[in-house]
Amino acid sequence: TNLFKNFNQLNPMRKSYLENFISFTNQNDIKVKIILLPMPAETIVRLREDTDYDQIYNEFKGYIDELHLDYQFDYYDFSSVDKFNGVADSFSDSTHPGPKNIDLITKKIFEKKK
């Protein structure tokens, strides 16, 4: 089966939910961290075959940039293991990072800025 069938653009309703959530957190002085998690290389290959993955990824990055104009939040793009020195085979399934990658991501997010 194709998990990503008919996924060819960002969902406008989900974009609205995210913006409303970030607006609420900003109004209530709650810090937000948005993290784009990695997927195994094989999943990315399938996404590129079955969807407009690169276009959707770029649309998402542009959307995050737009949100940053109006709202405060931290954004981490860990969409591939090379972006956080991750482990290529540390995934729990076809879409979720495994324990080693989660540990590395968490350390990157919370490391002290020098």
PDB file of N, CA and C in Angstrom:
ATOM      1  N   THR A   1       0.834  -1.190   0.000  1.00  0.00           N
ATOM      2  CA  THR A   1       0.000   0.000   0.000  1.00  0.00           C
ATOM      3  C   THR A   1       0.874   1.248   0.000  1.00  0.00           C
ATOM      4  N   ASN A   2       0.284   2.327  -0.428  1.00  0.00           N
ATOM      5  CA  ASN A   2       1.006   3.589  -0.485  1.00  0.00           C
ATOM      6  C   ASN A   2       0.543   4.473   0.670  1.00  0.00           C
ATOM      7  N   LEU A   3       1.367   4.533   1.694  1.00  0.00           N
ATOM      8  CA  LEU A   3       1.048   5.311   2.890  1.00  0.00           C
ATOM      9  C   LEU A   3       0.805   6.782   2.576  1.00  0.00           C
ATOM     10  N   PHE A   4       1.455   7.282   1.540  1.00  0.00           N
ATOM     11  CA  PHE A   4       1.402   8.710   1.245  1.00  0.00           C
ATOM     12  C   PHE A   4       0.559   9.023   0.011  1.00  0.00           C
ATOM     13  N   LYS A   5      -0.343   8.130  -0.348  1.00  0.00           N
ATOM     14  CA  LYS A   5      -1.187   8.334  -1.525  1.00  0.00           C
ATOM     15  C   LYS A   5      -1.960   9.651  -1.401  1.00  0.00           C
ATOM     16  N   ASN A   6      -2.010  10.381  -2.485  1.00  0.00           N
ATOM     17  CA  ASN A   6      -2.722  11.667  -2.563  1.00  0.00           C
ATOM     18  C   ASN A   6      -2.141  12.743  -1.646  1.00  0.00           C
ATOM     19  N   PHE A   7      -0.917  12.571  -1.204  1.00  0.00           N
ATOM     20  CA  PHE A   7      -0.259  13.585  -0.377  1.00  0.00           C
ATOM     21  C   PHE A   7       0.639  14.397  -1.291  1.00  0.00           C
ATOM     22  N   ASN A   8       0.075  15.494  -1.827  1.00  0.00           N
ATOM     23  CA  ASN A   8       0.816  16.292  -2.794  1.00  0.00           C
ATOM     24  C   ASN A   8       0.985  17.745  -2.393  1.00  0.00           C
ATOM     25  N   GLN A   9       0.519  18.093  -1.200  1.00  0.00           N
ATOM     26  CA  GLN A   9       0.695  19.456  -0.702  1.00  0.00           C
ATOM     27  C   GLN A   9       0.464  19.457   0.799  1.00  0.00           C
ATOM     28  N   LEU A  10       0.853  20.541   1.450  1.00  0.00           N
ATOM     29  CA  LEU A  10       0.569  20.677   2.873  1.00  0.00           C
ATOM     30  C   LEU A  10      -0.933  20.815   3.066  1.00  0.00           C
ATOM     31  N   ASN A  11      -1.432  20.211   4.117  1.00  0.00           N
ATOM     32  CA  ASN A  11      -2.853  20.246   4.413  1.00  0.00           C
ATOM     33  C   ASN A  11      -3.216  21.613   5.002  1.00  0.00           C
ATOM     34  N   PRO A  12      -4.085  22.385   4.322  1.00  0.00           N
ATOM     35  CA  PRO A  12      -4.434  23.728   4.819  1.00  0.00           C
ATOM     36  C   PRO A  12      -5.031  23.718   6.227  1.00  0.00           C
ATOM     37  N   MET A  13      -5.808  22.692   6.555  1.00  0.00           N
ATOM     38  CA  MET A  13      -6.407  22.630   7.891  1.00  0.00           C
ATOM     39  C   MET A  13      -5.329  22.419   8.955  1.00  0.00           C
ATOM     40  N   ARG A  14      -4.360  21.566   8.663  1.00  0.00           N
ATOM     41  CA  ARG A  14      -3.277  21.336   9.627  1.00  0.00           C
ATOM     42  C   ARG A  14      -2.399  22.573   9.774  1.00  0.00           C
ATOM     43  N   LYS A  15      -2.190  23.302   8.681  1.00  0.00           N
ATOM     44  CA  LYS A  15      -1.446  24.556   8.762  1.00  0.00           C
ATOM     45  C   LYS A  15      -2.173  25.532   9.687  1.00  0.00           C
ATOM     46  N   SER A  16      -3.481  25.592   9.555  1.00  0.00           N
ATOM     47  CA  SER A  16      -4.279  26.472  10.405  1.00  0.00           C
ATOM     48  C   SER A  16      -4.178  26.054  11.872  1.00  0.00           C
ATOM     49  N   TYR A  17      -4.253  24.757  12.133  1.00  0.00           N
ATOM     50  CA  TYR A  17      -4.114  24.256  13.510  1.00  0.00           C
ATOM     51  C   TYR A  17      -2.760  24.657  14.090  1.00  0.00           C
ATOM     52  N   LEU A  18      -1.708  24.486  13.294  1.00  0.00           N
ATOM     53  CA  LEU A  18      -0.371  24.822  13.777  1.00  0.00           C
ATOM     54  C   LEU A  18      -0.258  26.314  14.071  1.00  0.00           C
ATOM     55  N   GLU A  19      -0.758  27.135  13.172  1.00  0.00           N
ATOM     56  CA  GLU A  19      -0.678  28.580  13.402  1.00  0.00           C
ATOM     57  C   GLU A  19      -1.486  28.987  14.631  1.00  0.00           C
ATOM     58  N   ASN A  20      -2.664  28.422  14.801  1.00  0.00           N
ATOM     59  CA  ASN A  20      -3.473  28.735  15.985  1.00  0.00           C
ATOM     60  C   ASN A  20      -2.766  28.298  17.266  1.00  0.00           C
ATOM     61  N   PHE A  21      -2.134  27.132  17.216  1.00  0.00           N
ATOM     62  CA  PHE A  21      -1.402  26.634  18.376  1.00  0.00           C
ATOM     63  C   PHE A  21      -0.242  27.564  18.719  1.00  0.00           C
ATOM     64  N   ILE A  22       0.550  27.934  17.713  1.00  0.00           N
ATOM     65  CA  ILE A  22       1.697  28.807  17.961  1.00  0.00           C
ATOM     66  C   ILE A  22       1.238  30.182  18.429  1.00  0.00           C
ATOM     67  N   SER A  23       0.160  30.676  17.881  1.00  0.00           N
ATOM     68  CA  SER A  23      -0.386  31.955  18.330  1.00  0.00           C
ATOM     69  C   SER A  23      -0.758  31.874  19.811  1.00  0.00           C
ATOM     70  N   PHE A  24      -1.442  30.809  20.189  1.00  0.00           N
ATOM     71  CA  PHE A  24      -1.835  30.615  21.588  1.00  0.00           C
ATOM     72  C   PHE A  24      -0.611  30.565  22.495  1.00  0.00           C
ATOM     73  N   THR A  25       0.415  29.808  22.091  1.00  0.00           N
ATOM     74  CA  THR A  25       1.602  29.687  22.939  1.00  0.00           C
ATOM     75  C   THR A  25       2.329  31.017  23.069  1.00  0.00           C
ATOM     76  N   ASN A  26       2.377  31.774  21.985  1.00  0.00           N
ATOM     77  CA  ASN A  26       3.026  33.092  22.046  1.00  0.00           C
ATOM     78  C   ASN A  26       2.264  34.037  22.960  1.00  0.00           C
ATOM     79  N   GLN A  27       0.947  34.008  22.901  1.00  0.00           N
ATOM     80  CA  GLN A  27       0.124  34.885  23.749  1.00  0.00           C
ATOM     81  C   GLN A  27       0.248  34.516  25.223  1.00  0.00           C
ATOM     82  N   ASN A  28       0.604  33.263  25.490  1.00  0.00           N
ATOM     83  CA  ASN A  28       0.685  32.790  26.869  1.00  0.00           C
ATOM     84  C   ASN A  28       2.115  32.520  27.325  1.00  0.00           C
ATOM     85  N   ASP A  29       3.072  33.093  26.593  1.00  0.00           N
ATOM     86  CA  ASP A  29       4.488  33.007  26.940  1.00  0.00           C
ATOM     87  C   ASP A  29       4.953  31.557  27.151  1.00  0.00           C
ATOM     88  N   ILE A  30       4.531  30.684  26.250  1.00  0.00           N
ATOM     89  CA  ILE A  30       4.930  29.277  26.268  1.00  0.00           C
ATOM     90  C   ILE A  30       5.919  29.071  25.122  1.00  0.00           C
ATOM     91  N   LYS A  31       7.072  28.515  25.432  1.00  0.00           N
ATOM     92  CA  LYS A  31       8.092  28.285  24.406  1.00  0.00           C
ATOM     93  C   LYS A  31       7.751  27.032  23.601  1.00  0.00           C
ATOM     94  N   VAL A  32       7.938  27.121  22.292  1.00  0.00           N
ATOM     95  CA  VAL A  32       7.633  26.014  21.389  1.00  0.00           C
ATOM     96  C   VAL A  32       8.879  25.643  20.592  1.00  0.00           C
ATOM     97  N   LYS A  33       9.075  24.349  20.419  1.00  0.00           N
ATOM     98  CA  LYS A  33      10.132  23.827  19.565  1.00  0.00           C
ATOM     99  C   LYS A  33       9.461  22.940  18.517  1.00  0.00           C
ATOM    100  N   ILE A  34       9.653  23.291  17.255  1.00  0.00           N
ATOM    101  CA  ILE A  34       9.134  22.485  16.157  1.00  0.00           C
ATOM    102  C   ILE A  34      10.304  21.702  15.586  1.00  0.00           C
ATOM    103  N   ILE A  35      10.136  20.390  15.489  1.00  0.00           N
ATOM    104  CA  ILE A  35      11.217  19.527  15.056  1.00  0.00           C
ATOM    105  C   ILE A  35      10.751  18.692  13.877  1.00  0.00           C
ATOM    106  N   LEU A  36      11.424  18.836  12.761  1.00  0.00           N
ATOM    107  CA  LEU A  36      11.171  17.995  11.593  1.00  0.00           C
ATOM    108  C   LEU A  36      12.068  16.774  11.735  1.00  0.00           C
ATOM    109  N   LEU A  37      11.447  15.626  11.995  1.00  0.00           N
ATOM    110  CA  LEU A  37      12.184  14.403  12.280  1.00  0.00           C
ATOM    111  C   LEU A  37      12.605  13.682  11.005  1.00  0.00           C
ATOM    112  N   PRO A  38      13.669  12.881  11.109  1.00  0.00           N
ATOM    113  CA  PRO A  38      14.147  12.146   9.935  1.00  0.00           C
ATOM    114  C   PRO A  38      13.324  10.891   9.682  1.00  0.00           C
ATOM    115  N   MET A  39      13.443  10.404   8.473  1.00  0.00           N
ATOM    116  CA  MET A  39      12.893   9.108   8.101  1.00  0.00           C
ATOM    117  C   MET A  39      14.025   8.325   7.445  1.00  0.00           C
ATOM    118  N   PRO A  40      13.908   7.001   7.411  1.00  0.00           N
ATOM    119  CA  PRO A  40      14.954   6.211   6.753  1.00  0.00           C
ATOM    120  C   PRO A  40      15.103   6.602   5.284  1.00  0.00           C
ATOM    121  N   ALA A  41      16.304   6.436   4.765  1.00  0.00           N
ATOM    122  CA  ALA A  41      16.583   6.789   3.368  1.00  0.00           C
ATOM    123  C   ALA A  41      15.632   6.074   2.410  1.00  0.00           C
ATOM    124  N   GLU A  42      15.288   4.818   2.714  1.00  0.00           N
ATOM    125  CA  GLU A  42      14.386   4.063   1.837  1.00  0.00           C
ATOM    126  C   GLU A  42      13.005   4.725   1.766  1.00  0.00           C
ATOM    127  N   THR A  43      12.557   5.269   2.873  1.00  0.00           N
ATOM    128  CA  THR A  43      11.251   5.942   2.897  1.00  0.00           C
ATOM    129  C   THR A  43      11.302   7.198   2.043  1.00  0.00           C
ATOM    130  N   ILE A  44      12.394   7.945   2.127  1.00  0.00           N
ATOM    131  CA  ILE A  44      12.541   9.153   1.317  1.00  0.00           C
ATOM    132  C   ILE A  44      12.546   8.790  -0.166  1.00  0.00           C
ATOM    133  N   VAL A  45      13.232   7.711  -0.521  1.00  0.00           N
ATOM    134  CA  VAL A  45      13.237   7.262  -1.919  1.00  0.00           C
ATOM    135  C   VAL A  45      11.815   6.972  -2.378  1.00  0.00           C
ATOM    136  N   ARG A  46      11.044   6.260  -1.561  1.00  0.00           N
ATOM    137  CA  ARG A  46       9.648   5.952  -1.923  1.00  0.00           C
ATOM    138  C   ARG A  46       8.812   7.217  -1.999  1.00  0.00           C
ATOM    139  N   LEU A  47       9.026   8.144  -1.087  1.00  0.00           N
ATOM    140  CA  LEU A  47       8.287   9.401  -1.139  1.00  0.00           C
ATOM    141  C   LEU A  47       8.576  10.151  -2.429  1.00  0.00           C
ATOM    142  N   ARG A  48       9.824  10.162  -2.837  1.00  0.00           N
ATOM    143  CA  ARG A  48      10.179  10.849  -4.081  1.00  0.00           C
ATOM    144  C   ARG A  48       9.560  10.159  -5.291  1.00  0.00           C
ATOM    145  N   GLU A  49       9.379   8.843  -5.209  1.00  0.00           N
ATOM    146  CA  GLU A  49       8.741   8.105  -6.308  1.00  0.00           C
ATOM    147  C   GLU A  49       7.232   8.335  -6.336  1.00  0.00           C
ATOM    148  N   ASP A  50       6.618   8.421  -5.155  1.00  0.00           N
ATOM    149  CA  ASP A  50       5.154   8.428  -5.042  1.00  0.00           C
ATOM    150  C   ASP A  50       4.523   9.801  -4.864  1.00  0.00           C
ATOM    151  N   THR A  51       5.339  10.797  -4.505  1.00  0.00           N
ATOM    152  CA  THR A  51       4.799  12.133  -4.221  1.00  0.00           C
ATOM    153  C   THR A  51       5.746  13.192  -4.773  1.00  0.00           C
ATOM    154  N   ASP A  52       5.382  14.441  -4.566  1.00  0.00           N
ATOM    155  CA  ASP A  52       6.255  15.573  -4.877  1.00  0.00           C
ATOM    156  C   ASP A  52       7.015  15.957  -3.605  1.00  0.00           C
ATOM    157  N   TYR A  53       7.726  14.984  -3.042  1.00  0.00           N
ATOM    158  CA  TYR A  53       8.366  15.162  -1.743  1.00  0.00           C
ATOM    159  C   TYR A  53       9.198  16.436  -1.655  1.00  0.00           C
ATOM    160  N   ASP A  54      10.085  16.657  -2.626  1.00  0.00           N
ATOM    161  CA  ASP A  54      10.966  17.827  -2.547  1.00  0.00           C
ATOM    162  C   ASP A  54      10.170  19.124  -2.582  1.00  0.00           C
ATOM    163  N   GLN A  55       9.130  19.170  -3.384  1.00  0.00           N
ATOM    164  CA  GLN A  55       8.270  20.362  -3.437  1.00  0.00           C
ATOM    165  C   GLN A  55       7.552  20.566  -2.104  1.00  0.00           C
ATOM    166  N   ILE A  56       7.033  19.488  -1.531  1.00  0.00           N
ATOM    167  CA  ILE A  56       6.319  19.583  -0.251  1.00  0.00           C
ATOM    168  C   ILE A  56       7.279  20.004   0.861  1.00  0.00           C
ATOM    169  N   TYR A  57       8.478  19.423   0.860  1.00  0.00           N
ATOM    170  CA  TYR A  57       9.491  19.783   1.850  1.00  0.00           C
ATOM    171  C   TYR A  57       9.816  21.277   1.751  1.00  0.00           C
ATOM    172  N   ASN A  58      10.037  21.769   0.537  1.00  0.00           N
ATOM    173  CA  ASN A  58      10.328  23.195   0.347  1.00  0.00           C
ATOM    174  C   ASN A  58       9.141  24.070   0.716  1.00  0.00           C
ATOM    175  N   GLU A  59       7.938  23.602   0.431  1.00  0.00           N
ATOM    176  CA  GLU A  59       6.737  24.342   0.833  1.00  0.00           C
ATOM    177  C   GLU A  59       6.664  24.436   2.351  1.00  0.00           C
ATOM    178  N   PHE A  60       6.987  23.342   3.040  1.00  0.00           N
ATOM    179  CA  PHE A  60       6.970  23.345   4.501  1.00  0.00           C
ATOM    180  C   PHE A  60       8.000  24.326   5.052  1.00  0.00           C
ATOM    181  N   LYS A  61       9.228  24.284   4.503  1.00  0.00           N
ATOM    182  CA  LYS A  61      10.262  25.218   4.958  1.00  0.00           C
ATOM    183  C   LYS A  61       9.821  26.666   4.751  1.00  0.00           C
ATOM    184  N   GLY A  62       9.206  26.956   3.603  1.00  0.00           N
ATOM    185  CA  GLY A  62       8.703  28.300   3.349  1.00  0.00           C
ATOM    186  C   GLY A  62       7.605  28.693   4.323  1.00  0.00           C
ATOM    187  N   TYR A  63       6.740  27.736   4.623  1.00  0.00           N
ATOM    188  CA  TYR A  63       5.656  27.991   5.585  1.00  0.00           C
ATOM    189  C   TYR A  63       6.234  28.306   6.971  1.00  0.00           C
ATOM    190  N   ILE A  64       7.241  27.546   7.390  1.00  0.00           N
ATOM    191  CA  ILE A  64       7.875  27.814   8.689  1.00  0.00           C
ATOM    192  C   ILE A  64       8.512  29.199   8.683  1.00  0.00           C
ATOM    193  N   ASP A  65       9.166  29.569   7.593  1.00  0.00           N
ATOM    194  CA  ASP A  65       9.765  30.905   7.485  1.00  0.00           C
ATOM    195  C   ASP A  65       8.699  31.994   7.602  1.00  0.00           C
ATOM    196  N   GLU A  66       7.544  31.780   6.971  1.00  0.00           N
ATOM    197  CA  GLU A  66       6.433  32.739   7.077  1.00  0.00           C
ATOM    198  C   GLU A  66       5.953  32.858   8.517  1.00  0.00           C
ATOM    199  N   LEU A  67       5.787  31.728   9.187  1.00  0.00           N
ATOM    200  CA  LEU A  67       5.338  31.753  10.584  1.00  0.00           C
ATOM    201  C   LEU A  67       6.325  32.507  11.467  1.00  0.00           C
ATOM    202  N   HIS A  68       7.615  32.368  11.161  1.00  0.00           N
ATOM    203  CA  HIS A  68       8.645  33.050  11.952  1.00  0.00           C
ATOM    204  C   HIS A  68       8.549  34.565  11.852  1.00  0.00           C
ATOM    205  N   LEU A  69       7.913  35.069  10.809  1.00  0.00           N
ATOM    206  CA  LEU A  69       7.744  36.519  10.684  1.00  0.00           C
ATOM    207  C   LEU A  69       6.800  37.059  11.749  1.00  0.00           C
ATOM    208  N   ASP A  70       5.833  36.237  12.156  1.00  0.00           N
ATOM    209  CA  ASP A  70       4.810  36.698  13.101  1.00  0.00           C
ATOM    210  C   ASP A  70       4.890  36.084  14.493  1.00  0.00           C
ATOM    211  N   TYR A  71       5.588  34.964  14.622  1.00  0.00           N
ATOM    212  CA  TYR A  71       5.575  34.225  15.888  1.00  0.00           C
ATOM    213  C   TYR A  71       6.977  33.825  16.316  1.00  0.00           C
ATOM    214  N   GLN A  72       7.106  33.593  17.616  1.00  0.00           N
ATOM    215  CA  GLN A  72       8.371  33.135  18.197  1.00  0.00           C
ATOM    216  C   GLN A  72       8.302  31.625  18.445  1.00  0.00           C
ATOM    217  N   PHE A  73       9.271  30.895  17.934  1.00  0.00           N
ATOM    218  CA  PHE A  73       9.419  29.467  18.209  1.00  0.00           C
ATOM    219  C   PHE A  73      10.773  29.029  17.687  1.00  0.00           C
ATOM    220  N   ASP A  74      11.251  27.922  18.205  1.00  0.00           N
ATOM    221  CA  ASP A  74      12.493  27.336  17.720  1.00  0.00           C
ATOM    222  C   ASP A  74      12.138  26.274  16.685  1.00  0.00           C
ATOM    223  N   TYR A  75      12.934  26.199  15.627  1.00  0.00           N
ATOM    224  CA  TYR A  75      12.702  25.215  14.574  1.00  0.00           C
ATOM    225  C   TYR A  75      13.979  24.449  14.307  1.00  0.00           C
ATOM    226  N   TYR A  76      13.860  23.137  14.263  1.00  0.00           N
ATOM    227  CA  TYR A  76      14.996  22.262  14.004  1.00  0.00           C
ATOM    228  C   TYR A  76      14.661  21.371  12.820  1.00  0.00           C
ATOM    229  N   ASP A  77      15.474  21.456  11.785  1.00  0.00           N
ATOM    230  CA  ASP A  77      15.278  20.602  10.617  1.00  0.00           C
ATOM    231  C   ASP A  77      16.253  19.431  10.718  1.00  0.00           C
ATOM    232  N   PHE A  78      15.760  18.325  11.247  1.00  0.00           N
ATOM    233  CA  PHE A  78      16.537  17.091  11.344  1.00  0.00           C
ATOM    234  C   PHE A  78      15.950  16.062  10.381  1.00  0.00           C
ATOM    235  N   SER A  79      15.590  16.522   9.188  1.00  0.00           N
ATOM    236  CA  SER A  79      14.895  15.669   8.224  1.00  0.00           C
ATOM    237  C   SER A  79      15.778  14.564   7.643  1.00  0.00           C
ATOM    238  N   SER A  80      17.070  14.641   7.848  1.00  0.00           N
ATOM    239  CA  SER A  80      17.959  13.553   7.443  1.00  0.00           C
ATOM    240  C   SER A  80      19.013  13.368   8.529  1.00  0.00           C
ATOM    241  N   VAL A  81      19.528  12.156   8.642  1.00  0.00           N
ATOM    242  CA  VAL A  81      20.453  11.852   9.737  1.00  0.00           C
ATOM    243  C   VAL A  81      21.738  12.674   9.676  1.00  0.00           C
ATOM    244  N   ASP A  82      22.132  13.104   8.492  1.00  0.00           N
ATOM    245  CA  ASP A  82      23.360  13.896   8.396  1.00  0.00           C
ATOM    246  C   ASP A  82      23.225  15.271   9.048  1.00  0.00           C
ATOM    247  N   LYS A  83      21.997  15.719   9.287  1.00  0.00           N
ATOM    248  CA  LYS A  83      21.782  17.044   9.879  1.00  0.00           C
ATOM    249  C   LYS A  83      21.999  17.065  11.389  1.00  0.00           C
ATOM    250  N   PHE A  84      22.138  15.862  12.003  1.00  0.00           N
ATOM    251  CA  PHE A  84      22.380  15.821  13.450  1.00  0.00           C
ATOM    252  C   PHE A  84      23.373  14.716  13.815  1.00  0.00           C
ATOM    253  N   ASN A  85      24.166  14.289  12.818  1.00  0.00           N
ATOM    254  CA  ASN A  85      25.130  13.190  13.015  1.00  0.00           C
ATOM    255  C   ASN A  85      24.445  11.928  13.509  1.00  0.00           C
ATOM    256  N   GLY A  86      23.289  11.634  12.907  1.00  0.00           N
ATOM    257  CA  GLY A  86      22.498  10.481  13.305  1.00  0.00           C
ATOM    258  C   GLY A  86      23.017   9.172  12.744  1.00  0.00           C
ATOM    259  N   VAL A  87      22.274   8.109  13.064  1.00  0.00           N
ATOM    260  CA  VAL A  87      22.626   6.747  12.687  1.00  0.00           C
ATOM    261  C   VAL A  87      21.629   6.263  11.641  1.00  0.00           C
ATOM    262  N   ALA A  88      22.134   5.908  10.462  1.00  0.00           N
ATOM    263  CA  ALA A  88      21.268   5.562   9.331  1.00  0.00           C
ATOM    264  C   ALA A  88      20.334   4.398   9.611  1.00  0.00           C
ATOM    265  N   ASP A  89      20.722   3.464  10.484  1.00  0.00           N
ATOM    266  CA  ASP A  89      19.861   2.303  10.733  1.00  0.00           C
ATOM    267  C   ASP A  89      19.140   2.353  12.086  1.00  0.00           C
ATOM    268  N   SER A  90      19.086   3.517  12.716  1.00  0.00           N
ATOM    269  CA  SER A  90      18.368   3.638  13.988  1.00  0.00           C
ATOM    270  C   SER A  90      16.975   4.237  13.760  1.00  0.00           C
ATOM    271  N   PHE A  91      16.079   3.380  13.238  1.00  0.00           N
ATOM    272  CA  PHE A  91      14.682   3.745  13.027  1.00  0.00           C
ATOM    273  C   PHE A  91      13.797   2.625  13.554  1.00  0.00           C
ATOM    274  N   SER A  92      12.687   2.988  14.168  1.00  0.00           N
ATOM    275  CA  SER A  92      11.774   1.998  14.727  1.00  0.00           C
ATOM    276  C   SER A  92      10.904   1.364  13.658  1.00  0.00           C
ATOM    277  N   ASP A  93      10.625   2.124  12.602  1.00  0.00           N
ATOM    278  CA  ASP A  93       9.816   1.637  11.482  1.00  0.00           C
ATOM    279  C   ASP A  93      10.104   2.533  10.284  1.00  0.00           C
ATOM    280  N   SER A  94       9.210   2.562   9.310  1.00  0.00           N
ATOM    281  CA  SER A  94       9.486   3.311   8.082  1.00  0.00           C
ATOM    282  C   SER A  94       9.342   4.824   8.232  1.00  0.00           C
ATOM    283  N   THR A  95       8.890   5.304   9.367  1.00  0.00           N
ATOM    284  CA  THR A  95       8.734   6.753   9.529  1.00  0.00           C
ATOM    285  C   THR A  95       9.210   7.318  10.860  1.00  0.00           C
ATOM    286  N   HIS A  96       9.594   6.482  11.819  1.00  0.00           N
ATOM    287  CA  HIS A  96       9.932   6.988  13.151  1.00  0.00           C
ATOM    288  C   HIS A  96      11.379   6.686  13.536  1.00  0.00           C
ATOM    289  N   PRO A  97      12.097   7.706  14.042  1.00  0.00           N
ATOM    290  CA  PRO A  97      13.468   7.484  14.503  1.00  0.00           C
ATOM    291  C   PRO A  97      13.495   6.511  15.679  1.00  0.00           C
ATOM    292  N   GLY A  98      14.567   5.740  15.750  1.00  0.00           N
ATOM    293  CA  GLY A  98      14.756   4.813  16.856  1.00  0.00           C
ATOM    294  C   GLY A  98      15.455   5.477  18.030  1.00  0.00           C
ATOM    295  N   PRO A  99      15.698   4.704  19.089  1.00  0.00           N
ATOM    296  CA  PRO A  99      16.260   5.270  20.332  1.00  0.00           C
ATOM    297  C   PRO A  99      17.584   6.021  20.145  1.00  0.00           C
ATOM    298  N   LYS A 100      18.517   5.482  19.361  1.00  0.00           N
ATOM    299  CA  LYS A 100      19.809   6.167  19.188  1.00  0.00           C
ATOM    300  C   LYS A 100      19.612   7.538  18.554  1.00  0.00           C
ATOM    301  N   ASN A 101      18.784   7.599  17.502  1.00  0.00           N
ATOM    302  CA  ASN A 101      18.558   8.887  16.840  1.00  0.00           C
ATOM    303  C   ASN A 101      17.780   9.846  17.731  1.00  0.00           C
ATOM    304  N   ILE A 102      16.833   9.337  18.474  1.00  0.00           N
ATOM    305  CA  ILE A 102      16.082  10.214  19.392  1.00  0.00           C
ATOM    306  C   ILE A 102      17.034  10.816  20.424  1.00  0.00           C
ATOM    307  N   ASP A 103      17.944  10.008  20.961  1.00  0.00           N
ATOM    308  CA  ASP A 103      18.922  10.534  21.922  1.00  0.00           C
ATOM    309  C   ASP A 103      19.778  11.629  21.293  1.00  0.00           C
ATOM    310  N   LEU A 104      20.256  11.398  20.076  1.00  0.00           N
ATOM    311  CA  LEU A 104      21.095  12.390  19.403  1.00  0.00           C
ATOM    312  C   LEU A 104      20.320  13.675  19.110  1.00  0.00           C
ATOM    313  N   ILE A 105      19.086  13.534  18.668  1.00  0.00           N
ATOM    314  CA  ILE A 105      18.240  14.701  18.386  1.00  0.00           C
ATOM    315  C   ILE A 105      17.993  15.500  19.665  1.00  0.00           C
ATOM    316  N   THR A 106      17.652  14.800  20.733  1.00  0.00           N
ATOM    317  CA  THR A 106      17.380  15.470  22.010  1.00  0.00           C
ATOM    318  C   THR A 106      18.604  16.232  22.500  1.00  0.00           C
ATOM    319  N   LYS A 107      19.764  15.617  22.386  1.00  0.00           N
ATOM    320  CA  LYS A 107      20.994  16.298  22.806  1.00  0.00           C
ATOM    321  C   LYS A 107      21.232  17.552  21.972  1.00  0.00           C
ATOM    322  N   LYS A 108      20.998  17.473  20.657  1.00  0.00           N
ATOM    323  CA  LYS A 108      21.179  18.645  19.778  1.00  0.00           C
ATOM    324  C   LYS A 108      20.228  19.770  20.175  1.00  0.00           C
ATOM    325  N   ILE A 109      18.992  19.434  20.446  1.00  0.00           N
ATOM    326  CA  ILE A 109      17.990  20.449  20.769  1.00  0.00           C
ATOM    327  C   ILE A 109      18.300  21.165  22.062  1.00  0.00           C
ATOM    328  N   PHE A 110      18.779  20.416  23.034  1.00  0.00           N
ATOM    329  CA  PHE A 110      18.964  21.003  24.359  1.00  0.00           C
ATOM    330  C   PHE A 110      20.409  21.326  24.721  1.00  0.00           C
ATOM    331  N   GLU A 111      21.327  21.169  23.730  1.00  0.00           N
ATOM    332  CA  GLU A 111      22.715  21.524  24.034  1.00  0.00           C
ATOM    333  C   GLU A 111      22.825  23.027  24.254  1.00  0.00           C
ATOM    334  N   LYS A 112      23.727  23.390  25.103  1.00  0.00           N
ATOM    335  CA  LYS A 112      23.931  24.810  25.400  1.00  0.00           C
ATOM    336  C   LYS A 112      24.548  25.505  24.189  1.00  0.00           C
ATOM    337  N   LYS A 113      24.029  26.669  23.886  1.00  0.00           N
ATOM    338  CA  LYS A 113      24.597  27.475  22.804  1.00  0.00           C
ATOM    339  C   LYS A 113      25.907  28.078  23.300  1.00  0.00           C
ATOM    340  N   LYS A 114      26.937  28.001  22.472  1.00  0.00           N
ATOM    341  CA  LYS A 114      28.242  28.532  22.896  1.00  0.00           C
ATOM    342  C   LYS A 114      28.513  29.854  22.257  1.00  0.00           C
TER     343      LYS A 114
END
